[in-house]
Amino acid sequence: MLFIAVSLTYSCKSTKTTNSTTAVNENAVEKKLQQTWILENLNGKVLTEKDFSSFPKIEMSSTSFSGSTGCNGIKGSLVSNGAGKLQFPNFTSETQKCNAKKEAEFLQLLKTTSGYSIENNKLYLSNQFGLTMSFKKGN
């Protein structure tokens, strides 16, 4: 009788631990994405200093991101529904007037992002039409 009670207690504890771990990691992005990335290429064009006052960057955590459009701050949520899939579903941006000619294009491409890959320390973002942006690792 004592053996059965101990067995039931142990099995209940292990079930609870497993369930809570699964719920926490459901839509979190992969660890290799969780760092700072600096924009290098936008829609197939290498960025120059004329495009942005400073190069846009994004810093990703497991479920959110923050960064800069090169002028305005941005922050929001991240969702990953499996390997190679990434979305920026809800984010906000400051609205200072800037000389960043490509800022609107950068924000629009973030909104439509649906996938990613990482090769040679570079992050490549894509949408339904193909590759949209590439980033290098930041500090």
N, C-alpha and C. Protein backbone atom coordinates (compact mmCIF):
# COMPACT_ATOMS: atom_id res chain seq x y z
N MET A 1 0.82 -1.18 0.00
CA MET A 1 0.00 0.00 0.00
C MET A 1 0.88 1.26 0.00
N LEU A 2 1.90 1.29 0.82
CA LEU A 2 2.82 2.41 0.87
C LEU A 2 3.51 2.59 -0.49
N PHE A 3 3.87 1.51 -1.12
CA PHE A 3 4.52 1.54 -2.44
C PHE A 3 3.63 2.23 -3.48
N ILE A 4 2.34 1.94 -3.48
CA ILE A 4 1.39 2.53 -4.43
C ILE A 4 1.26 4.04 -4.18
N ALA A 5 1.17 4.46 -2.94
CA ALA A 5 1.05 5.88 -2.60
C ALA A 5 2.28 6.66 -3.05
N VAL A 6 3.46 6.12 -2.82
CA VAL A 6 4.70 6.78 -3.24
C VAL A 6 4.77 6.85 -4.76
N SER A 7 4.40 5.81 -5.44
CA SER A 7 4.41 5.77 -6.91
C SER A 7 3.48 6.82 -7.49
N LEU A 8 2.28 6.95 -6.95
CA LEU A 8 1.33 7.94 -7.44
C LEU A 8 1.82 9.35 -7.20
N THR A 9 2.40 9.62 -6.05
CA THR A 9 2.93 10.94 -5.74
C THR A 9 4.05 11.31 -6.70
N TYR A 10 4.96 10.40 -6.96
CA TYR A 10 6.08 10.67 -7.86
C TYR A 10 5.60 10.93 -9.29
N SER A 11 4.66 10.13 -9.78
CA SER A 11 4.18 10.29 -11.15
C SER A 11 3.43 11.60 -11.32
N CYS A 12 2.70 12.08 -10.33
CA CYS A 12 2.00 13.36 -10.42
C CYS A 12 2.99 14.51 -10.51
N LYS A 13 4.06 14.47 -9.74
CA LYS A 13 5.06 15.54 -9.77
C LYS A 13 5.73 15.61 -11.13
N SER A 14 6.09 14.51 -11.73
CA SER A 14 6.79 14.54 -13.02
C SER A 14 5.87 15.04 -14.13
N THR A 15 4.57 14.76 -14.07
CA THR A 15 3.62 15.24 -15.06
C THR A 15 3.50 16.75 -15.00
N LYS A 16 3.42 17.32 -13.82
CA LYS A 16 3.30 18.76 -13.67
C LYS A 16 4.51 19.48 -14.25
N THR A 17 5.69 19.00 -14.00
CA THR A 17 6.91 19.61 -14.51
C THR A 17 6.93 19.61 -16.03
N THR A 18 6.58 18.53 -16.65
CA THR A 18 6.58 18.41 -18.10
C THR A 18 5.61 19.40 -18.73
N ASN A 19 4.39 19.50 -18.17
CA ASN A 19 3.39 20.39 -18.74
C ASN A 19 3.80 21.85 -18.68
N SER A 20 4.38 22.30 -17.57
CA SER A 20 4.76 23.71 -17.46
C SER A 20 5.91 24.05 -18.39
N THR A 21 6.83 23.14 -18.62
CA THR A 21 7.94 23.39 -19.53
C THR A 21 7.43 23.56 -20.96
N THR A 22 6.50 22.73 -21.37
CA THR A 22 5.95 22.81 -22.72
C THR A 22 5.25 24.15 -22.96
N ALA A 23 4.47 24.61 -22.02
CA ALA A 23 3.72 25.85 -22.17
C ALA A 23 4.64 27.06 -22.30
N VAL A 24 5.74 27.09 -21.59
CA VAL A 24 6.65 28.22 -21.62
C VAL A 24 7.33 28.37 -22.98
N ASN A 25 7.69 27.28 -23.62
CA ASN A 25 8.46 27.33 -24.86
C ASN A 25 7.63 27.30 -26.14
N GLU A 26 6.32 27.35 -26.06
CA GLU A 26 5.45 27.12 -27.20
C GLU A 26 5.77 27.99 -28.43
N ASN A 27 5.87 29.32 -28.28
CA ASN A 27 6.12 30.20 -29.42
C ASN A 27 7.42 30.98 -29.30
N ALA A 28 8.32 30.55 -28.43
CA ALA A 28 9.59 31.26 -28.23
C ALA A 28 10.51 31.05 -29.44
N VAL A 29 11.30 32.06 -29.74
CA VAL A 29 12.25 31.95 -30.84
C VAL A 29 13.48 31.17 -30.40
N GLU A 30 14.16 30.59 -31.36
CA GLU A 30 15.35 29.80 -31.07
C GLU A 30 16.43 30.65 -30.41
N LYS A 31 17.23 30.00 -29.57
CA LYS A 31 18.30 30.67 -28.84
C LYS A 31 19.26 31.41 -29.78
N LYS A 32 19.57 30.83 -30.94
CA LYS A 32 20.54 31.46 -31.85
C LYS A 32 20.05 32.79 -32.42
N LEU A 33 18.75 33.07 -32.34
CA LEU A 33 18.21 34.35 -32.79
C LEU A 33 18.29 35.42 -31.70
N GLN A 34 18.43 34.99 -30.46
CA GLN A 34 18.33 35.89 -29.32
C GLN A 34 19.63 36.67 -29.10
N GLN A 35 19.80 37.69 -29.91
CA GLN A 35 20.97 38.57 -29.84
C GLN A 35 20.67 39.83 -30.64
N THR A 36 21.67 40.69 -30.81
CA THR A 36 21.51 41.92 -31.57
C THR A 36 21.93 41.69 -33.01
N TRP A 37 21.11 42.21 -33.94
CA TRP A 37 21.37 42.09 -35.37
C TRP A 37 21.32 43.48 -36.01
N ILE A 38 22.29 43.78 -36.90
CA ILE A 38 22.38 45.08 -37.56
C ILE A 38 22.11 44.90 -39.04
N LEU A 39 21.18 45.69 -39.58
CA LEU A 39 20.76 45.58 -40.97
C LEU A 39 21.90 45.91 -41.92
N GLU A 40 22.08 45.05 -42.94
CA GLU A 40 23.10 45.26 -43.97
C GLU A 40 22.50 45.42 -45.36
N ASN A 41 21.41 44.70 -45.61
CA ASN A 41 20.85 44.63 -46.95
C ASN A 41 19.33 44.73 -46.85
N LEU A 42 18.74 45.56 -47.68
CA LEU A 42 17.30 45.78 -47.67
C LEU A 42 16.77 45.60 -49.08
N ASN A 43 15.94 44.60 -49.27
CA ASN A 43 15.35 44.30 -50.59
C ASN A 43 16.40 44.16 -51.69
N GLY A 44 17.47 43.47 -51.36
CA GLY A 44 18.50 43.19 -52.37
C GLY A 44 19.53 44.29 -52.57
N LYS A 45 19.45 45.36 -51.79
CA LYS A 45 20.39 46.47 -51.95
C LYS A 45 21.21 46.65 -50.68
N VAL A 46 22.53 46.75 -50.84
CA VAL A 46 23.42 47.00 -49.72
C VAL A 46 23.17 48.42 -49.22
N LEU A 47 23.07 48.56 -47.90
CA LEU A 47 22.79 49.87 -47.31
C LEU A 47 23.99 50.79 -47.37
N THR A 48 23.69 52.07 -47.51
CA THR A 48 24.72 53.10 -47.42
C THR A 48 24.30 54.07 -46.33
N GLU A 49 25.20 54.95 -45.93
CA GLU A 49 24.90 55.93 -44.90
C GLU A 49 23.83 56.92 -45.35
N LYS A 50 23.60 57.05 -46.66
CA LYS A 50 22.56 57.94 -47.16
C LYS A 50 21.16 57.39 -46.92
N ASP A 51 21.04 56.06 -46.75
CA ASP A 51 19.74 55.43 -46.57
C ASP A 51 19.17 55.64 -45.17
N PHE A 52 20.03 55.65 -44.17
CA PHE A 52 19.62 55.77 -42.76
C PHE A 52 20.62 56.65 -42.03
N SER A 53 20.16 57.37 -40.99
CA SER A 53 21.09 58.18 -40.21
C SER A 53 22.05 57.29 -39.43
N SER A 54 21.59 56.12 -39.00
CA SER A 54 22.47 55.05 -38.49
C SER A 54 21.78 53.74 -38.89
N PHE A 55 22.56 52.68 -39.00
CA PHE A 55 21.99 51.43 -39.49
C PHE A 55 20.98 50.85 -38.51
N PRO A 56 19.81 50.45 -39.00
CA PRO A 56 18.79 49.84 -38.13
C PRO A 56 19.32 48.59 -37.45
N LYS A 57 18.81 48.33 -36.25
CA LYS A 57 19.20 47.12 -35.54
C LYS A 57 18.01 46.59 -34.76
N ILE A 58 18.03 45.28 -34.51
CA ILE A 58 17.02 44.66 -33.68
C ILE A 58 17.71 43.73 -32.69
N GLU A 59 17.22 43.79 -31.46
CA GLU A 59 17.73 42.91 -30.41
C GLU A 59 16.59 41.99 -30.00
N MET A 60 16.79 40.69 -30.22
CA MET A 60 15.72 39.72 -29.98
C MET A 60 15.92 38.97 -28.67
N SER A 61 14.81 38.75 -27.97
CA SER A 61 14.77 37.85 -26.83
C SER A 61 13.87 36.68 -27.22
N SER A 62 13.47 35.87 -26.28
CA SER A 62 12.69 34.68 -26.64
C SER A 62 11.30 35.00 -27.19
N THR A 63 10.68 36.10 -26.75
CA THR A 63 9.32 36.41 -27.22
C THR A 63 9.11 37.87 -27.61
N SER A 64 10.18 38.68 -27.59
CA SER A 64 10.02 40.10 -27.93
C SER A 64 11.30 40.63 -28.57
N PHE A 65 11.21 41.86 -29.08
CA PHE A 65 12.38 42.50 -29.66
C PHE A 65 12.30 44.00 -29.39
N SER A 66 13.44 44.65 -29.50
CA SER A 66 13.52 46.10 -29.45
C SER A 66 14.64 46.51 -30.38
N GLY A 67 14.71 47.79 -30.67
CA GLY A 67 15.78 48.23 -31.55
C GLY A 67 15.53 49.62 -32.07
N SER A 68 16.06 49.84 -33.29
CA SER A 68 16.00 51.15 -33.90
C SER A 68 15.83 51.02 -35.41
N THR A 69 15.09 51.96 -35.97
CA THR A 69 14.93 52.01 -37.43
C THR A 69 16.07 52.82 -38.06
N GLY A 70 17.02 53.22 -37.26
CA GLY A 70 18.07 54.12 -37.71
C GLY A 70 17.81 55.52 -37.21
N CYS A 71 16.58 55.77 -36.77
CA CYS A 71 16.19 57.06 -36.22
C CYS A 71 15.22 56.87 -35.06
N ASN A 72 14.17 56.11 -35.29
CA ASN A 72 13.14 55.89 -34.28
C ASN A 72 13.30 54.54 -33.58
N GLY A 73 12.95 54.52 -32.30
CA GLY A 73 12.96 53.28 -31.55
C GLY A 73 11.79 52.40 -31.94
N ILE A 74 11.98 51.09 -31.89
CA ILE A 74 10.91 50.13 -32.15
C ILE A 74 10.95 49.05 -31.09
N LYS A 75 9.79 48.47 -30.80
CA LYS A 75 9.73 47.33 -29.89
C LYS A 75 8.43 46.59 -30.15
N GLY A 76 8.45 45.30 -29.82
CA GLY A 76 7.24 44.51 -30.03
C GLY A 76 7.44 43.05 -29.72
N SER A 77 6.49 42.25 -30.17
CA SER A 77 6.51 40.82 -29.88
C SER A 77 7.07 40.02 -31.07
N LEU A 78 7.58 38.84 -30.74
CA LEU A 78 8.08 37.89 -31.73
C LEU A 78 7.33 36.59 -31.57
N VAL A 79 7.06 35.92 -32.68
CA VAL A 79 6.42 34.61 -32.65
C VAL A 79 7.15 33.69 -33.61
N SER A 80 7.45 32.49 -33.13
CA SER A 80 8.04 31.46 -34.00
C SER A 80 7.16 30.23 -33.93
N ASN A 81 6.64 29.81 -35.07
CA ASN A 81 5.79 28.62 -35.13
C ASN A 81 6.54 27.44 -35.73
N GLY A 82 7.78 27.28 -35.33
CA GLY A 82 8.60 26.18 -35.82
C GLY A 82 9.92 26.68 -36.38
N ALA A 83 10.80 25.75 -36.66
CA ALA A 83 12.13 26.10 -37.18
C ALA A 83 12.01 26.85 -38.50
N GLY A 84 12.74 27.94 -38.60
CA GLY A 84 12.75 28.73 -39.83
C GLY A 84 11.57 29.66 -40.00
N LYS A 85 10.69 29.73 -39.00
CA LYS A 85 9.52 30.61 -39.09
C LYS A 85 9.63 31.70 -38.03
N LEU A 86 9.33 32.92 -38.44
CA LEU A 86 9.44 34.06 -37.53
C LEU A 86 8.49 35.16 -37.97
N GLN A 87 7.80 35.76 -37.01
CA GLN A 87 6.91 36.88 -37.29
C GLN A 87 7.10 37.98 -36.25
N PHE A 88 6.86 39.21 -36.68
CA PHE A 88 6.86 40.39 -35.82
C PHE A 88 5.42 40.91 -35.81
N PRO A 89 4.49 40.21 -35.13
CA PRO A 89 3.06 40.51 -35.30
C PRO A 89 2.59 41.84 -34.75
N ASN A 90 3.15 42.28 -33.64
CA ASN A 90 2.71 43.54 -33.03
C ASN A 90 3.93 44.32 -32.60
N PHE A 91 4.09 45.50 -33.18
CA PHE A 91 5.18 46.35 -32.70
C PHE A 91 4.80 47.82 -32.84
N THR A 92 5.50 48.62 -32.07
CA THR A 92 5.28 50.06 -32.10
C THR A 92 6.59 50.75 -32.48
N SER A 93 6.44 51.93 -33.04
CA SER A 93 7.59 52.71 -33.46
C SER A 93 7.39 54.15 -33.03
N GLU A 94 8.47 54.80 -32.61
CA GLU A 94 8.40 56.23 -32.33
C GLU A 94 8.12 56.95 -33.64
N THR A 95 7.72 58.20 -33.58
CA THR A 95 7.35 58.91 -34.80
C THR A 95 8.09 60.24 -34.97
N GLN A 96 9.37 60.25 -34.65
CA GLN A 96 10.17 61.45 -34.89
C GLN A 96 10.37 61.62 -36.39
N LYS A 97 10.44 62.84 -36.84
CA LYS A 97 10.72 63.09 -38.25
C LYS A 97 12.21 62.83 -38.49
N CYS A 98 12.50 62.03 -39.51
CA CYS A 98 13.87 61.59 -39.74
C CYS A 98 14.29 61.80 -41.18
N ASN A 99 15.58 61.71 -41.40
CA ASN A 99 16.14 61.73 -42.74
C ASN A 99 16.35 60.32 -43.28
N ALA A 100 15.79 59.35 -42.62
CA ALA A 100 15.97 57.95 -43.01
C ALA A 100 15.06 57.65 -44.20
N LYS A 101 15.63 57.64 -45.39
CA LYS A 101 14.84 57.45 -46.62
C LYS A 101 14.17 56.09 -46.69
N LYS A 102 14.77 55.10 -46.09
CA LYS A 102 14.28 53.73 -46.21
C LYS A 102 13.56 53.22 -44.97
N GLU A 103 13.27 54.10 -44.02
CA GLU A 103 12.65 53.68 -42.76
C GLU A 103 11.29 53.00 -42.98
N ALA A 104 10.43 53.59 -43.79
CA ALA A 104 9.10 53.01 -44.04
C ALA A 104 9.21 51.63 -44.69
N GLU A 105 10.13 51.49 -45.61
CA GLU A 105 10.34 50.20 -46.27
C GLU A 105 10.81 49.14 -45.27
N PHE A 106 11.73 49.51 -44.39
CA PHE A 106 12.21 48.60 -43.36
C PHE A 106 11.07 48.13 -42.46
N LEU A 107 10.23 49.06 -41.99
CA LEU A 107 9.11 48.71 -41.12
C LEU A 107 8.09 47.82 -41.83
N GLN A 108 7.81 48.12 -43.08
CA GLN A 108 6.85 47.30 -43.84
C GLN A 108 7.37 45.88 -44.02
N LEU A 109 8.65 45.74 -44.29
CA LEU A 109 9.22 44.40 -44.46
C LEU A 109 9.23 43.62 -43.15
N LEU A 110 9.45 44.30 -42.02
CA LEU A 110 9.35 43.62 -40.72
C LEU A 110 7.94 43.07 -40.52
N LYS A 111 6.93 43.88 -40.86
CA LYS A 111 5.53 43.46 -40.68
C LYS A 111 5.19 42.22 -41.51
N THR A 112 5.80 42.08 -42.69
CA THR A 112 5.45 40.97 -43.58
C THR A 112 6.38 39.77 -43.43
N THR A 113 7.35 39.86 -42.51
CA THR A 113 8.29 38.75 -42.32
C THR A 113 7.56 37.48 -41.89
N SER A 114 7.95 36.35 -42.51
CA SER A 114 7.35 35.07 -42.13
C SER A 114 8.40 33.98 -41.91
N GLY A 115 9.65 34.23 -42.32
CA GLY A 115 10.66 33.20 -42.16
C GLY A 115 12.05 33.78 -41.99
N TYR A 116 12.99 32.89 -41.63
CA TYR A 116 14.37 33.31 -41.45
C TYR A 116 15.32 32.13 -41.67
N SER A 117 16.57 32.48 -41.87
CA SER A 117 17.65 31.50 -41.84
C SER A 117 18.89 32.21 -41.32
N ILE A 118 19.82 31.42 -40.76
CA ILE A 118 21.09 31.97 -40.29
C ILE A 118 22.20 31.18 -40.95
N GLU A 119 23.10 31.91 -41.62
CA GLU A 119 24.25 31.29 -42.27
C GLU A 119 25.45 32.23 -42.12
N ASN A 120 26.59 31.67 -41.74
CA ASN A 120 27.83 32.45 -41.62
C ASN A 120 27.65 33.72 -40.78
N ASN A 121 27.00 33.57 -39.61
CA ASN A 121 26.77 34.69 -38.69
C ASN A 121 25.93 35.81 -39.28
N LYS A 122 25.09 35.50 -40.25
CA LYS A 122 24.17 36.47 -40.84
C LYS A 122 22.75 35.95 -40.71
N LEU A 123 21.84 36.86 -40.43
CA LEU A 123 20.42 36.55 -40.32
C LEU A 123 19.73 37.02 -41.59
N TYR A 124 18.99 36.12 -42.22
CA TYR A 124 18.25 36.44 -43.44
C TYR A 124 16.76 36.34 -43.13
N LEU A 125 16.02 37.42 -43.38
CA LEU A 125 14.58 37.42 -43.18
C LEU A 125 13.88 37.35 -44.54
N SER A 126 12.75 36.68 -44.56
CA SER A 126 12.00 36.54 -45.81
C SER A 126 10.51 36.66 -45.54
N ASN A 127 9.77 36.90 -46.63
CA ASN A 127 8.30 36.89 -46.56
C ASN A 127 7.79 35.97 -47.66
N GLN A 128 6.52 36.04 -47.98
CA GLN A 128 5.94 35.13 -48.96
C GLN A 128 6.54 35.27 -50.36
N PHE A 129 7.20 36.40 -50.63
CA PHE A 129 7.79 36.64 -51.95
C PHE A 129 9.27 36.28 -52.03
N GLY A 130 9.90 36.02 -50.89
CA GLY A 130 11.32 35.65 -50.87
C GLY A 130 12.12 36.48 -49.88
N LEU A 131 13.44 36.49 -50.08
CA LEU A 131 14.37 37.20 -49.19
C LEU A 131 14.09 38.70 -49.20
N THR A 132 14.04 39.30 -47.99
CA THR A 132 13.77 40.74 -47.89
C THR A 132 14.91 41.53 -47.25
N MET A 133 15.57 40.95 -46.25
CA MET A 133 16.60 41.68 -45.52
C MET A 133 17.67 40.73 -45.02
N SER A 134 18.89 41.27 -44.83
CA SER A 134 19.92 40.50 -44.15
C SER A 134 20.59 41.38 -43.10
N PHE A 135 21.00 40.73 -42.03
CA PHE A 135 21.59 41.40 -40.87
C PHE A 135 22.90 40.71 -40.52
N LYS A 136 23.84 41.48 -39.95
CA LYS A 136 25.05 40.89 -39.38
C LYS A 136 24.91 40.90 -37.87
N LYS A 137 25.66 40.04 -37.20
CA LYS A 137 25.64 40.03 -35.74
C LYS A 137 26.15 41.35 -35.21
N GLY A 138 25.48 41.86 -34.18
CA GLY A 138 25.89 43.10 -33.55
C GLY A 138 26.60 42.82 -32.25
N ASN A 139 26.91 43.89 -31.53
CA ASN A 139 27.58 43.76 -30.24
C ASN A 139 26.60 43.81 -29.11
